[in-house]
């Protein structure tokens, strides 16, 4: 699914990285625990989170994630926006809860990662 489709489904605003909306992602992962992101996520994944600090951008950078969706109306500050720009990330913003945003994406065909016995099943 292209990031542009995700933006439309979530009726999200693009904060930064509009030029990357044609990137394709295969999975979505929702978490406020960056340790879980580091343990389970791969580069074909979009992150949905309400956590709003530089560690989110740094984690996305380490995992080569193409985009982050901030949920629950959490607007990133200028420091996060600058970090995202420097790392060629797309940042989307929605007032949906994490549960609602995840459900909308799943309903429209974006799969979640399957965790099996401490590892990802592909």
PDB file of N, CA and C in Angstrom:
ATOM      1  N   UNK A   1       0.845  -1.173   0.000  1.00  0.00           N
ATOM      2  CA  UNK A   1       0.000   0.000   0.000  1.00  0.00           C
ATOM      3  C   UNK A   1       0.894   1.242   0.000  1.00  0.00           C
ATOM      4  N   UNK A   2       0.544   2.196  -0.801  1.00  0.00           N
ATOM      5  CA  UNK A   2       1.323   3.437  -0.859  1.00  0.00           C
ATOM      6  C   UNK A   2       0.972   4.348   0.325  1.00  0.00           C
ATOM      7  N   UNK A   3       1.951   5.143   0.725  1.00  0.00           N
ATOM      8  CA  UNK A   3       1.729   6.075   1.828  1.00  0.00           C
ATOM      9  C   UNK A   3       0.579   7.032   1.520  1.00  0.00           C
ATOM     10  N   UNK A   4       0.413   7.363   0.269  1.00  0.00           N
ATOM     11  CA  UNK A   4      -0.681   8.245  -0.156  1.00  0.00           C
ATOM     12  C   UNK A   4      -2.040   7.627   0.192  1.00  0.00           C
ATOM     13  N   UNK A   5      -2.161   6.313  -0.019  1.00  0.00           N
ATOM     14  CA  UNK A   5      -3.398   5.608   0.322  1.00  0.00           C
ATOM     15  C   UNK A   5      -3.629   5.617   1.830  1.00  0.00           C
ATOM     16  N   UNK A   6      -2.556   5.427   2.581  1.00  0.00           N
ATOM     17  CA  UNK A   6      -2.652   5.452   4.040  1.00  0.00           C
ATOM     18  C   UNK A   6      -3.134   6.825   4.500  1.00  0.00           C
ATOM     19  N   UNK A   7      -2.579   7.865   3.917  1.00  0.00           N
ATOM     20  CA  UNK A   7      -3.003   9.227   4.254  1.00  0.00           C
ATOM     21  C   UNK A   7      -4.498   9.394   4.000  1.00  0.00           C
ATOM     22  N   UNK A   8      -4.969   8.916   2.864  1.00  0.00           N
ATOM     23  CA  UNK A   8      -6.384   9.051   2.517  1.00  0.00           C
ATOM     24  C   UNK A   8      -7.274   8.250   3.452  1.00  0.00           C
ATOM     25  N   UNK A   9      -6.892   7.011   3.726  1.00  0.00           N
ATOM     26  CA  UNK A   9      -7.691   6.149   4.601  1.00  0.00           C
ATOM     27  C   UNK A   9      -7.835   6.761   5.988  1.00  0.00           C
ATOM     28  N   UNK A  10      -6.745   7.297   6.499  1.00  0.00           N
ATOM     29  CA  UNK A  10      -6.756   7.863   7.850  1.00  0.00           C
ATOM     30  C   UNK A  10      -7.206   9.326   7.878  1.00  0.00           C
ATOM     31  N   UNK A  11      -7.417   9.895   6.683  1.00  0.00           N
ATOM     32  CA  UNK A  11      -7.719  11.322   6.591  1.00  0.00           C
ATOM     33  C   UNK A  11      -6.677  12.109   7.387  1.00  0.00           C
ATOM     34  N   UNK A  12      -5.420  11.708   7.185  1.00  0.00           N
ATOM     35  CA  UNK A  12      -4.294  12.261   7.939  1.00  0.00           C
ATOM     36  C   UNK A  12      -3.700  13.468   7.227  1.00  0.00           C
ATOM     37  N   UNK A  13      -3.077  14.309   8.001  1.00  0.00           N
ATOM     38  CA  UNK A  13      -2.347  15.445   7.463  1.00  0.00           C
ATOM     39  C   UNK A  13      -0.889  15.044   7.313  1.00  0.00           C
ATOM     40  N   UNK A  14      -0.274  15.493   6.240  1.00  0.00           N
ATOM     41  CA  UNK A  14       1.155  15.268   6.037  1.00  0.00           C
ATOM     42  C   UNK A  14       1.897  16.407   6.722  1.00  0.00           C
ATOM     43  N   UNK A  15       2.732  16.071   7.683  1.00  0.00           N
ATOM     44  CA  UNK A  15       3.527  17.068   8.393  1.00  0.00           C
ATOM     45  C   UNK A  15       4.821  17.345   7.635  1.00  0.00           C
ATOM     46  N   UNK A  16       5.439  16.287   7.143  1.00  0.00           N
ATOM     47  CA  UNK A  16       6.680  16.397   6.388  1.00  0.00           C
ATOM     48  C   UNK A  16       6.805  15.160   5.500  1.00  0.00           C
ATOM     49  N   UNK A  17       7.494  15.299   4.376  1.00  0.00           N
ATOM     50  CA  UNK A  17       7.764  14.158   3.502  1.00  0.00           C
ATOM     51  C   UNK A  17       6.698  13.891   2.464  1.00  0.00           C
ATOM     52  N   UNK A  18       5.974  14.925   2.070  1.00  0.00           N
ATOM     53  CA  UNK A  18       4.936  14.747   1.057  1.00  0.00           C
ATOM     54  C   UNK A  18       5.511  14.194  -0.249  1.00  0.00           C
ATOM     55  N   UNK A  19       6.760  14.518  -0.517  1.00  0.00           N
ATOM     56  CA  UNK A  19       7.394  14.046  -1.748  1.00  0.00           C
ATOM     57  C   UNK A  19       7.619  12.527  -1.757  1.00  0.00           C
ATOM     58  N   UNK A  20       7.426  11.872  -0.622  1.00  0.00           N
ATOM     59  CA  UNK A  20       7.638  10.420  -0.521  1.00  0.00           C
ATOM     60  C   UNK A  20       6.337   9.630  -0.451  1.00  0.00           C
ATOM     61  N   UNK A  21       5.204  10.258  -0.723  1.00  0.00           N
ATOM     62  CA  UNK A  21       3.913   9.586  -0.563  1.00  0.00           C
ATOM     63  C   UNK A  21       3.696   8.415  -1.515  1.00  0.00           C
ATOM     64  N   UNK A  22       4.535   8.265  -2.519  1.00  0.00           N
ATOM     65  CA  UNK A  22       4.393   7.122  -3.419  1.00  0.00           C
ATOM     66  C   UNK A  22       5.212   5.908  -2.971  1.00  0.00           C
ATOM     67  N   UNK A  23       5.850   6.020  -1.814  1.00  0.00           N
ATOM     68  CA  UNK A  23       6.552   4.845  -1.261  1.00  0.00           C
ATOM     69  C   UNK A  23       5.533   3.773  -0.879  1.00  0.00           C
ATOM     70  N   UNK A  24       5.960   2.544  -1.045  1.00  0.00           N
ATOM     71  CA  UNK A  24       5.115   1.387  -0.760  1.00  0.00           C
ATOM     72  C   UNK A  24       5.501   0.779   0.589  1.00  0.00           C
ATOM     73  N   UNK A  25       4.503   0.390   1.372  1.00  0.00           N
ATOM     74  CA  UNK A  25       4.745  -0.358   2.604  1.00  0.00           C
ATOM     75  C   UNK A  25       3.914  -1.641   2.566  1.00  0.00           C
ATOM     76  N   UNK A  26       4.406  -2.658   3.239  1.00  0.00           N
ATOM     77  CA  UNK A  26       3.712  -3.946   3.261  1.00  0.00           C
ATOM     78  C   UNK A  26       2.990  -4.202   4.571  1.00  0.00           C
ATOM     79  N   UNK A  27       3.460  -3.570   5.653  1.00  0.00           N
ATOM     80  CA  UNK A  27       2.931  -3.851   6.978  1.00  0.00           C
ATOM     81  C   UNK A  27       2.733  -2.568   7.782  1.00  0.00           C
ATOM     82  N   UNK A  28       1.927  -2.687   8.830  1.00  0.00           N
ATOM     83  CA  UNK A  28       1.790  -1.626   9.818  1.00  0.00           C
ATOM     84  C   UNK A  28       2.093  -2.231  11.190  1.00  0.00           C
ATOM     85  N   UNK A  29       2.666  -1.412  12.057  1.00  0.00           N
ATOM     86  CA  UNK A  29       2.969  -1.828  13.425  1.00  0.00           C
ATOM     87  C   UNK A  29       2.598  -0.669  14.338  1.00  0.00           C
ATOM     88  N   UNK A  30       1.804  -0.953  15.354  1.00  0.00           N
ATOM     89  CA  UNK A  30       1.333   0.071  16.284  1.00  0.00           C
ATOM     90  C   UNK A  30       1.938  -0.158  17.654  1.00  0.00           C
ATOM     91  N   UNK A  31       2.649   0.851  18.164  1.00  0.00           N
ATOM     92  CA  UNK A  31       3.272   0.692  19.473  1.00  0.00           C
ATOM     93  C   UNK A  31       3.754   2.035  20.001  1.00  0.00           C
ATOM     94  N   UNK A  32       3.723   2.155  21.310  1.00  0.00           N
ATOM     95  CA  UNK A  32       4.371   3.271  21.990  1.00  0.00           C
ATOM     96  C   UNK A  32       5.669   2.811  22.645  1.00  0.00           C
ATOM     97  N   UNK A  33       5.998   1.544  22.490  1.00  0.00           N
ATOM     98  CA  UNK A  33       7.238   0.980  23.042  1.00  0.00           C
ATOM     99  C   UNK A  33       8.260   0.823  21.923  1.00  0.00           C
ATOM    100  N   UNK A  34       9.271   1.668  21.920  1.00  0.00           N
ATOM    101  CA  UNK A  34      10.269   1.606  20.864  1.00  0.00           C
ATOM    102  C   UNK A  34      11.099   0.320  20.962  1.00  0.00           C
ATOM    103  N   UNK A  35      11.170  -0.288  22.129  1.00  0.00           N
ATOM    104  CA  UNK A  35      11.863  -1.573  22.250  1.00  0.00           C
ATOM    105  C   UNK A  35      11.149  -2.641  21.426  1.00  0.00           C
ATOM    106  N   UNK A  36       9.823  -2.595  21.364  1.00  0.00           N
ATOM    107  CA  UNK A  36       9.080  -3.541  20.528  1.00  0.00           C
ATOM    108  C   UNK A  36       9.323  -3.252  19.048  1.00  0.00           C
ATOM    109  N   UNK A  37       9.402  -2.003  18.686  1.00  0.00           N
ATOM    110  CA  UNK A  37       9.684  -1.637  17.292  1.00  0.00           C
ATOM    111  C   UNK A  37      11.048  -2.204  16.892  1.00  0.00           C
ATOM    112  N   UNK A  38      12.040  -2.012  17.747  1.00  0.00           N
ATOM    113  CA  UNK A  38      13.382  -2.529  17.461  1.00  0.00           C
ATOM    114  C   UNK A  38      13.405  -4.052  17.364  1.00  0.00           C
ATOM    115  N   UNK A  39      12.575  -4.714  18.143  1.00  0.00           N
ATOM    116  CA  UNK A  39      12.574  -6.178  18.169  1.00  0.00           C
ATOM    117  C   UNK A  39      11.817  -6.801  17.001  1.00  0.00           C
ATOM    118  N   UNK A  40      10.786  -6.144  16.500  1.00  0.00           N
ATOM    119  CA  UNK A  40       9.873  -6.833  15.586  1.00  0.00           C
ATOM    120  C   UNK A  40       9.697  -6.226  14.198  1.00  0.00           C
ATOM    121  N   UNK A  41      10.094  -5.008  13.983  1.00  0.00           N
ATOM    122  CA  UNK A  41       9.734  -4.299  12.757  1.00  0.00           C
ATOM    123  C   UNK A  41      10.812  -4.437  11.692  1.00  0.00           C
ATOM    124  N   UNK A  42      10.380  -4.384  10.423  1.00  0.00           N
ATOM    125  CA  UNK A  42      11.323  -4.367   9.305  1.00  0.00           C
ATOM    126  C   UNK A  42      11.073  -3.126   8.454  1.00  0.00           C
ATOM    127  N   UNK A  43      11.908  -2.915   7.460  1.00  0.00           N
ATOM    128  CA  UNK A  43      11.882  -1.680   6.681  1.00  0.00           C
ATOM    129  C   UNK A  43      10.644  -1.518   5.804  1.00  0.00           C
ATOM    130  N   UNK A  44       9.840  -2.523   5.647  1.00  0.00           N
ATOM    131  CA  UNK A  44       8.634  -2.431   4.826  1.00  0.00           C
ATOM    132  C   UNK A  44       7.418  -2.038   5.656  1.00  0.00           C
ATOM    133  N   UNK A  45       7.646  -1.433   6.800  1.00  0.00           N
ATOM    134  CA  UNK A  45       6.589  -1.220   7.789  1.00  0.00           C
ATOM    135  C   UNK A  45       6.414   0.259   8.099  1.00  0.00           C
ATOM    136  N   UNK A  46       5.167   0.646   8.305  1.00  0.00           N
ATOM    137  CA  UNK A  46       4.848   1.981   8.795  1.00  0.00           C
ATOM    138  C   UNK A  46       4.543   1.867  10.290  1.00  0.00           C
ATOM    139  N   UNK A  47       5.007   2.826  11.050  1.00  0.00           N
ATOM    140  CA  UNK A  47       4.813   2.832  12.498  1.00  0.00           C
ATOM    141  C   UNK A  47       3.691   3.786  12.879  1.00  0.00           C
ATOM    142  N   UNK A  48       2.747   3.290  13.668  1.00  0.00           N
ATOM    143  CA  UNK A  48       1.714   4.128  14.260  1.00  0.00           C
ATOM    144  C   UNK A  48       2.032   4.247  15.743  1.00  0.00           C
ATOM    145  N   UNK A  49       2.124   5.482  16.237  1.00  0.00           N
ATOM    146  CA  UNK A  49       2.492   5.683  17.635  1.00  0.00           C
ATOM    147  C   UNK A  49       1.934   6.990  18.171  1.00  0.00           C
ATOM    148  N   UNK A  50       1.759   7.027  19.463  1.00  0.00           N
ATOM    149  CA  UNK A  50       1.393   8.258  20.148  1.00  0.00           C
ATOM    150  C   UNK A  50       2.579   8.839  20.886  1.00  0.00           C
ATOM    151  N   UNK A  51       3.685   8.118  20.866  1.00  0.00           N
ATOM    152  CA  UNK A  51       4.900   8.583  21.521  1.00  0.00           C
ATOM    153  C   UNK A  51       5.490   9.712  20.696  1.00  0.00           C
ATOM    154  N   UNK A  52       5.772  10.802  21.339  1.00  0.00           N
ATOM    155  CA  UNK A  52       6.136  12.011  20.621  1.00  0.00           C
ATOM    156  C   UNK A  52       7.450  12.562  21.166  1.00  0.00           C
ATOM    157  N   UNK A  53       8.552  11.899  20.792  1.00  0.00           N
ATOM    158  CA  UNK A  53       9.871  12.366  21.215  1.00  0.00           C
ATOM    159  C   UNK A  53      10.917  11.956  20.173  1.00  0.00           C
ATOM    160  N   UNK A  54      12.132  12.476  20.289  1.00  0.00           N
ATOM    161  CA  UNK A  54      13.154  12.181  19.271  1.00  0.00           C
ATOM    162  C   UNK A  54      13.490  10.691  19.129  1.00  0.00           C
ATOM    163  N   UNK A  55      13.267   9.894  20.167  1.00  0.00           N
ATOM    164  CA  UNK A  55      13.568   8.460  20.069  1.00  0.00           C
ATOM    165  C   UNK A  55      12.733   7.769  19.000  1.00  0.00           C
ATOM    166  N   UNK A  56      11.538   8.285  18.749  1.00  0.00           N
ATOM    167  CA  UNK A  56      10.695   7.707  17.700  1.00  0.00           C
ATOM    168  C   UNK A  56      11.366   7.879  16.336  1.00  0.00           C
ATOM    169  N   UNK A  57      11.850   9.072  16.079  1.00  0.00           N
ATOM    170  CA  UNK A  57      12.524   9.334  14.799  1.00  0.00           C
ATOM    171  C   UNK A  57      13.821   8.538  14.719  1.00  0.00           C
ATOM    172  N   UNK A  58      14.578   8.492  15.793  1.00  0.00           N
ATOM    173  CA  UNK A  58      15.836   7.731  15.809  1.00  0.00           C
ATOM    174  C   UNK A  58      15.579   6.245  15.577  1.00  0.00           C
ATOM    175  N   UNK A  59      14.516   5.721  16.177  1.00  0.00           N
ATOM    176  CA  UNK A  59      14.170   4.308  15.982  1.00  0.00           C
ATOM    177  C   UNK A  59      13.793   4.063  14.529  1.00  0.00           C
ATOM    178  N   UNK A  60      12.979   4.934  13.962  1.00  0.00           N
ATOM    179  CA  UNK A  60      12.593   4.802  12.550  1.00  0.00           C
ATOM    180  C   UNK A  60      13.822   4.842  11.650  1.00  0.00           C
ATOM    181  N   UNK A  61      14.754   5.709  11.989  1.00  0.00           N
ATOM    182  CA  UNK A  61      15.998   5.816  11.228  1.00  0.00           C
ATOM    183  C   UNK A  61      16.784   4.508  11.301  1.00  0.00           C
ATOM    184  N   UNK A  62      16.932   3.958  12.497  1.00  0.00           N
ATOM    185  CA  UNK A  62      17.689   2.712  12.678  1.00  0.00           C
ATOM    186  C   UNK A  62      17.065   1.542  11.929  1.00  0.00           C
ATOM    187  N   UNK A  63      15.730   1.526  11.858  1.00  0.00           N
ATOM    188  CA  UNK A  63      15.014   0.411  11.240  1.00  0.00           C
ATOM    189  C   UNK A  63      14.677   0.660   9.773  1.00  0.00           C
ATOM    190  N   UNK A  64      15.125   1.790   9.232  1.00  0.00           N
ATOM    191  CA  UNK A  64      14.843   2.168   7.838  1.00  0.00           C
ATOM    192  C   UNK A  64      13.349   2.223   7.527  1.00  0.00           C
ATOM    193  N   UNK A  65      12.565   2.707   8.479  1.00  0.00           N
ATOM    194  CA  UNK A  65      11.131   2.834   8.255  1.00  0.00           C
ATOM    195  C   UNK A  65      10.863   4.027   7.338  1.00  0.00           C
ATOM    196  N   UNK A  66       9.895   3.900   6.447  1.00  0.00           N
ATOM    197  CA  UNK A  66       9.608   5.000   5.533  1.00  0.00           C
ATOM    198  C   UNK A  66       8.730   6.098   6.129  1.00  0.00           C
ATOM    199  N   UNK A  67       7.939   5.745   7.156  1.00  0.00           N
ATOM    200  CA  UNK A  67       6.969   6.727   7.648  1.00  0.00           C
ATOM    201  C   UNK A  67       6.510   6.406   9.068  1.00  0.00           C
ATOM    202  N   UNK A  68       6.044   7.470   9.719  1.00  0.00           N
ATOM    203  CA  UNK A  68       5.457   7.372  11.050  1.00  0.00           C
ATOM    204  C   UNK A  68       4.112   8.080  11.009  1.00  0.00           C
ATOM    205  N   UNK A  69       3.106   7.466  11.630  1.00  0.00           N
ATOM    206  CA  UNK A  69       1.816   8.111  11.808  1.00  0.00           C
ATOM    207  C   UNK A  69       1.667   8.402  13.298  1.00  0.00           C
ATOM    208  N   UNK A  70       1.589   9.675  13.628  1.00  0.00           N
ATOM    209  CA  UNK A  70       1.318  10.060  15.008  1.00  0.00           C
ATOM    210  C   UNK A  70      -0.189  10.049  15.210  1.00  0.00           C
ATOM    211  N   UNK A  71      -0.638   9.277  16.202  1.00  0.00           N
ATOM    212  CA  UNK A  71      -2.063   9.105  16.478  1.00  0.00           C
ATOM    213  C   UNK A  71      -2.464   9.914  17.714  1.00  0.00           C
ATOM    214  N   UNK A  72      -3.740   9.883  18.017  1.00  0.00           N
ATOM    215  CA  UNK A  72      -4.300  10.530  19.212  1.00  0.00           C
ATOM    216  C   UNK A  72      -4.058  12.039  19.238  1.00  0.00           C
ATOM    217  N   UNK A  73      -3.915  12.645  18.064  1.00  0.00           N
ATOM    218  CA  UNK A  73      -3.745  14.082  18.002  1.00  0.00           C
ATOM    219  C   UNK A  73      -2.404  14.586  18.482  1.00  0.00           C
ATOM    220  N   UNK A  74      -1.399  13.715  18.506  1.00  0.00           N
ATOM    221  CA  UNK A  74      -0.056  14.104  18.958  1.00  0.00           C
ATOM    222  C   UNK A  74       0.704  14.761  17.819  1.00  0.00           C
ATOM    223  N   UNK A  75       0.828  16.065  17.885  1.00  0.00           N
ATOM    224  CA  UNK A  75       1.586  16.803  16.864  1.00  0.00           C
ATOM    225  C   UNK A  75       3.064  16.828  17.222  1.00  0.00           C
ATOM    226  N   UNK A  76       3.923  16.445  16.289  1.00  0.00           N
ATOM    227  CA  UNK A  76       5.361  16.497  16.578  1.00  0.00           C
ATOM    228  C   UNK A  76       5.855  17.940  16.625  1.00  0.00           C
ATOM    229  N   UNK A  77       6.847  18.168  17.465  1.00  0.00           N
ATOM    230  CA  UNK A  77       7.456  19.491  17.569  1.00  0.00           C
ATOM    231  C   UNK A  77       8.426  19.743  16.431  1.00  0.00           C
ATOM    232  N   UNK A  78       8.909  20.956  16.371  1.00  0.00           N
ATOM    233  CA  UNK A  78       9.810  21.349  15.281  1.00  0.00           C
ATOM    234  C   UNK A  78      11.100  20.537  15.281  1.00  0.00           C
ATOM    235  N   UNK A  79      11.566  20.099  16.467  1.00  0.00           N
ATOM    236  CA  UNK A  79      12.780  19.280  16.524  1.00  0.00           C
ATOM    237  C   UNK A  79      12.562  17.927  15.861  1.00  0.00           C
ATOM    238  N   UNK A  80      11.390  17.318  16.068  1.00  0.00           N
ATOM    239  CA  UNK A  80      11.084  16.039  15.431  1.00  0.00           C
ATOM    240  C   UNK A  80      10.889  16.203  13.930  1.00  0.00           C
ATOM    241  N   UNK A  81      10.258  17.276  13.544  1.00  0.00           N
ATOM    242  CA  UNK A  81      10.037  17.535  12.120  1.00  0.00           C
ATOM    243  C   UNK A  81      11.371  17.695  11.398  1.00  0.00           C
ATOM    244  N   UNK A  82      12.289  18.418  12.013  1.00  0.00           N
ATOM    245  CA  UNK A  82      13.621  18.608  11.416  1.00  0.00           C
ATOM    246  C   UNK A  82      14.365  17.278  11.316  1.00  0.00           C
ATOM    247  N   UNK A  83      14.308  16.457  12.362  1.00  0.00           N
ATOM    248  CA  UNK A  83      14.936  15.126  12.318  1.00  0.00           C
ATOM    249  C   UNK A  83      14.336  14.277  11.205  1.00  0.00           C
ATOM    250  N   UNK A  84      13.024  14.319  11.074  1.00  0.00           N
ATOM    251  CA  UNK A  84      12.350  13.549  10.029  1.00  0.00           C
ATOM    252  C   UNK A  84      12.783  14.013   8.644  1.00  0.00           C
ATOM    253  N   UNK A  85      12.853  15.310   8.442  1.00  0.00           N
ATOM    254  CA  UNK A  85      13.317  15.850   7.152  1.00  0.00           C
ATOM    255  C   UNK A  85      14.710  15.350   6.834  1.00  0.00           C
ATOM    256  N   UNK A  86      15.595  15.429   7.821  1.00  0.00           N
ATOM    257  CA  UNK A  86      16.983  15.006   7.621  1.00  0.00           C
ATOM    258  C   UNK A  86      17.103  13.522   7.313  1.00  0.00           C
ATOM    259  N   UNK A  87      16.107  12.732   7.742  1.00  0.00           N
ATOM    260  CA  UNK A  87      16.138  11.283   7.531  1.00  0.00           C
ATOM    261  C   UNK A  87      15.190  10.825   6.427  1.00  0.00           C
ATOM    262  N   UNK A  88      14.660  11.783   5.655  1.00  0.00           N
ATOM    263  CA  UNK A  88      13.794  11.485   4.507  1.00  0.00           C
ATOM    264  C   UNK A  88      12.581  10.642   4.890  1.00  0.00           C
ATOM    265  N   UNK A  89      12.000  10.959   6.044  1.00  0.00           N
ATOM    266  CA  UNK A  89      10.808  10.262   6.536  1.00  0.00           C
ATOM    267  C   UNK A  89       9.551  11.035   6.172  1.00  0.00           C
ATOM    268  N   UNK A  90       8.466  10.310   6.029  1.00  0.00           N
ATOM    269  CA  UNK A  90       7.156  10.936   5.933  1.00  0.00           C
ATOM    270  C   UNK A  90       6.524  10.860   7.311  1.00  0.00           C
ATOM    271  N   UNK A  91       5.997  11.985   7.768  1.00  0.00           N
ATOM    272  CA  UNK A  91       5.302  12.040   9.048  1.00  0.00           C
ATOM    273  C   UNK A  91       3.855  12.428   8.778  1.00  0.00           C
ATOM    274  N   UNK A  92       2.952  11.563   9.226  1.00  0.00           N
ATOM    275  CA  UNK A  92       1.521  11.814   9.112  1.00  0.00           C
ATOM    276  C   UNK A  92       0.948  12.029  10.507  1.00  0.00           C
ATOM    277  N   UNK A  93      -0.185  12.710  10.563  1.00  0.00           N
ATOM    278  CA  UNK A  93      -0.821  13.052  11.826  1.00  0.00           C
ATOM    279  C   UNK A  93      -2.319  12.772  11.716  1.00  0.00           C
ATOM    280  N   UNK A  94      -2.871  12.074  12.698  1.00  0.00           N
ATOM    281  CA  UNK A  94      -4.309  11.824  12.748  1.00  0.00           C
ATOM    282  C   UNK A  94      -4.812  11.992  14.177  1.00  0.00           C
ATOM    283  N   UNK A  95      -6.065  12.365  14.288  1.00  0.00           N
ATOM    284  CA  UNK A  95      -6.678  12.454  15.613  1.00  0.00           C
ATOM    285  C   UNK A  95      -7.276  11.114  16.033  1.00  0.00           C
ATOM    286  N   UNK A  96      -7.266  10.121  15.136  1.00  0.00           N
ATOM    287  CA  UNK A  96      -7.748   8.783  15.486  1.00  0.00           C
ATOM    288  C   UNK A  96      -6.911   8.189  16.614  1.00  0.00           C
ATOM    289  N   UNK A  97      -7.520   7.344  17.408  1.00  0.00           N
ATOM    290  CA  UNK A  97      -6.757   6.577  18.384  1.00  0.00           C
ATOM    291  C   UNK A  97      -5.926   5.543  17.639  1.00  0.00           C
ATOM    292  N   UNK A  98      -4.970   4.959  18.319  1.00  0.00           N
ATOM    293  CA  UNK A  98      -4.132   3.944  17.700  1.00  0.00           C
ATOM    294  C   UNK A  98      -4.989   2.755  17.245  1.00  0.00           C
ATOM    295  N   UNK A  99      -5.944   2.385  18.082  1.00  0.00           N
ATOM    296  CA  UNK A  99      -6.831   1.264  17.763  1.00  0.00           C
ATOM    297  C   UNK A  99      -7.634   1.545  16.493  1.00  0.00           C
ATOM    298  N   UNK A 100      -8.232   2.715  16.413  1.00  0.00           N
ATOM    299  CA  UNK A 100      -9.051   3.070  15.257  1.00  0.00           C
ATOM    300  C   UNK A 100      -8.208   3.170  13.988  1.00  0.00           C
ATOM    301  N   UNK A 101      -7.067   3.850  14.068  1.00  0.00           N
ATOM    302  CA  UNK A 101      -6.198   3.988  12.897  1.00  0.00           C
ATOM    303  C   UNK A 101      -5.714   2.620  12.416  1.00  0.00           C
ATOM    304  N   UNK A 102      -5.312   1.766  13.340  1.00  0.00           N
ATOM    305  CA  UNK A 102      -4.858   0.420  12.974  1.00  0.00           C
ATOM    306  C   UNK A 102      -5.983  -0.363  12.316  1.00  0.00           C
ATOM    307  N   UNK A 103      -7.174  -0.267  12.872  1.00  0.00           N
ATOM    308  CA  UNK A 103      -8.327  -0.972  12.315  1.00  0.00           C
ATOM    309  C   UNK A 103      -8.670  -0.516  10.911  1.00  0.00           C
ATOM    310  N   UNK A 104      -8.622   0.779  10.675  1.00  0.00           N
ATOM    311  CA  UNK A 104      -8.899   1.304   9.340  1.00  0.00           C
ATOM    312  C   UNK A 104      -7.906   0.759   8.320  1.00  0.00           C
ATOM    313  N   UNK A 105      -6.633   0.735   8.692  1.00  0.00           N
ATOM    314  CA  UNK A 105      -5.613   0.245   7.763  1.00  0.00           C
ATOM    315  C   UNK A 105      -5.769  -1.252   7.519  1.00  0.00           C
ATOM    316  N   UNK A 106      -6.032  -2.009   8.572  1.00  0.00           N
ATOM    317  CA  UNK A 106      -6.222  -3.451   8.430  1.00  0.00           C
ATOM    318  C   UNK A 106      -7.439  -3.752   7.556  1.00  0.00           C
ATOM    319  N   UNK A 107      -8.518  -3.033   7.797  1.00  0.00           N
ATOM    320  CA  UNK A 107      -9.755  -3.212   7.035  1.00  0.00           C
ATOM    321  C   UNK A 107      -9.525  -2.950   5.552  1.00  0.00           C
ATOM    322  N   UNK A 108      -8.594  -2.059   5.247  1.00  0.00           N
ATOM    323  CA  UNK A 108      -8.306  -1.716   3.857  1.00  0.00           C
ATOM    324  C   UNK A 108      -7.161  -2.520   3.256  1.00  0.00           C
ATOM    325  N   UNK A 109      -6.728  -3.572   3.951  1.00  0.00           N
ATOM    326  CA  UNK A 109      -5.793  -4.517   3.360  1.00  0.00           C
ATOM    327  C   UNK A 109      -4.341  -4.416   3.778  1.00  0.00           C
ATOM    328  N   UNK A 110      -3.999  -3.491   4.671  1.00  0.00           N
ATOM    329  CA  UNK A 110      -2.611  -3.413   5.129  1.00  0.00           C
ATOM    330  C   UNK A 110      -2.427  -4.379   6.287  1.00  0.00           C
ATOM    331  N   UNK A 111      -1.543  -5.332   6.114  1.00  0.00           N
ATOM    332  CA  UNK A 111      -1.343  -6.371   7.119  1.00  0.00           C
ATOM    333  C   UNK A 111      -0.488  -5.891   8.280  1.00  0.00           C
ATOM    334  N   UNK A 112      -0.689  -6.533   9.403  1.00  0.00           N
ATOM    335  CA  UNK A 112       0.190  -6.340  10.544  1.00  0.00           C
ATOM    336  C   UNK A 112       1.256  -7.418  10.529  1.00  0.00           C
ATOM    337  N   UNK A 113       2.313  -7.207  11.285  1.00  0.00           N
ATOM    338  CA  UNK A 113       3.350  -8.229  11.421  1.00  0.00           C
ATOM    339  C   UNK A 113       2.847  -9.328  12.333  1.00  0.00           C
ATOM    340  N   UNK A 114       3.178 -10.564  12.011  1.00  0.00           N
ATOM    341  CA  UNK A 114       2.783 -11.691  12.847  1.00  0.00           C
ATOM    342  C   UNK A 114       3.950 -12.065  13.752  1.00  0.00           C
ATOM    343  N   UNK A 115       3.733 -11.962  15.048  1.00  0.00           N
ATOM    344  CA  UNK A 115       4.778 -12.295  16.011  1.00  0.00           C
ATOM    345  C   UNK A 115       4.535 -13.698  16.513  1.00  0.00           C
ATOM    346  N   UNK A 116       5.549 -14.528  16.381  1.00  0.00           N
ATOM    347  CA  UNK A 116       5.416 -15.921  16.789  1.00  0.00           C
ATOM    348  C   UNK A 116       6.634 -16.298  17.608  1.00  0.00           C
ATOM    349  N   UNK A 117       6.415 -16.617  18.871  1.00  0.00           N
ATOM    350  CA  UNK A 117       7.475 -17.065  19.764  1.00  0.00           C
ATOM    351  C   UNK A 117       8.691 -16.150  19.748  1.00  0.00           C
ATOM    352  N   UNK A 118       8.427 -14.833  19.884  1.00  0.00           N
ATOM    353  CA  UNK A 118       9.515 -13.872  20.012  1.00  0.00           C
ATOM    354  C   UNK A 118      10.168 -13.457  18.707  1.00  0.00           C
ATOM    355  N   UNK A 119       9.611 -13.887  17.591  1.00  0.00           N
ATOM    356  CA  UNK A 119      10.183 -13.453  16.317  1.00  0.00           C
ATOM    357  C   UNK A 119       9.061 -13.162  15.333  1.00  0.00           C
ATOM    358  N   UNK A 120       9.395 -12.531  14.244  1.00  0.00           N
ATOM    359  CA  UNK A 120       8.420 -12.176  13.225  1.00  0.00           C
ATOM    360  C   UNK A 120       8.270 -13.313  12.233  1.00  0.00           C
ATOM    361  N   UNK A 121       7.040 -13.634  11.933  1.00  0.00           N
ATOM    362  CA  UNK A 121       6.738 -14.622  10.916  1.00  0.00           C
ATOM    363  C   UNK A 121       6.394 -13.876   9.631  1.00  0.00           C
ATOM    364  N   UNK A 122       7.070 -14.197   8.552  1.00  0.00           N
ATOM    365  CA  UNK A 122       6.805 -13.501   7.277  1.00  0.00           C
ATOM    366  C   UNK A 122       6.098 -14.428   6.306  1.00  0.00           C
TER     367      UNK A 122
END
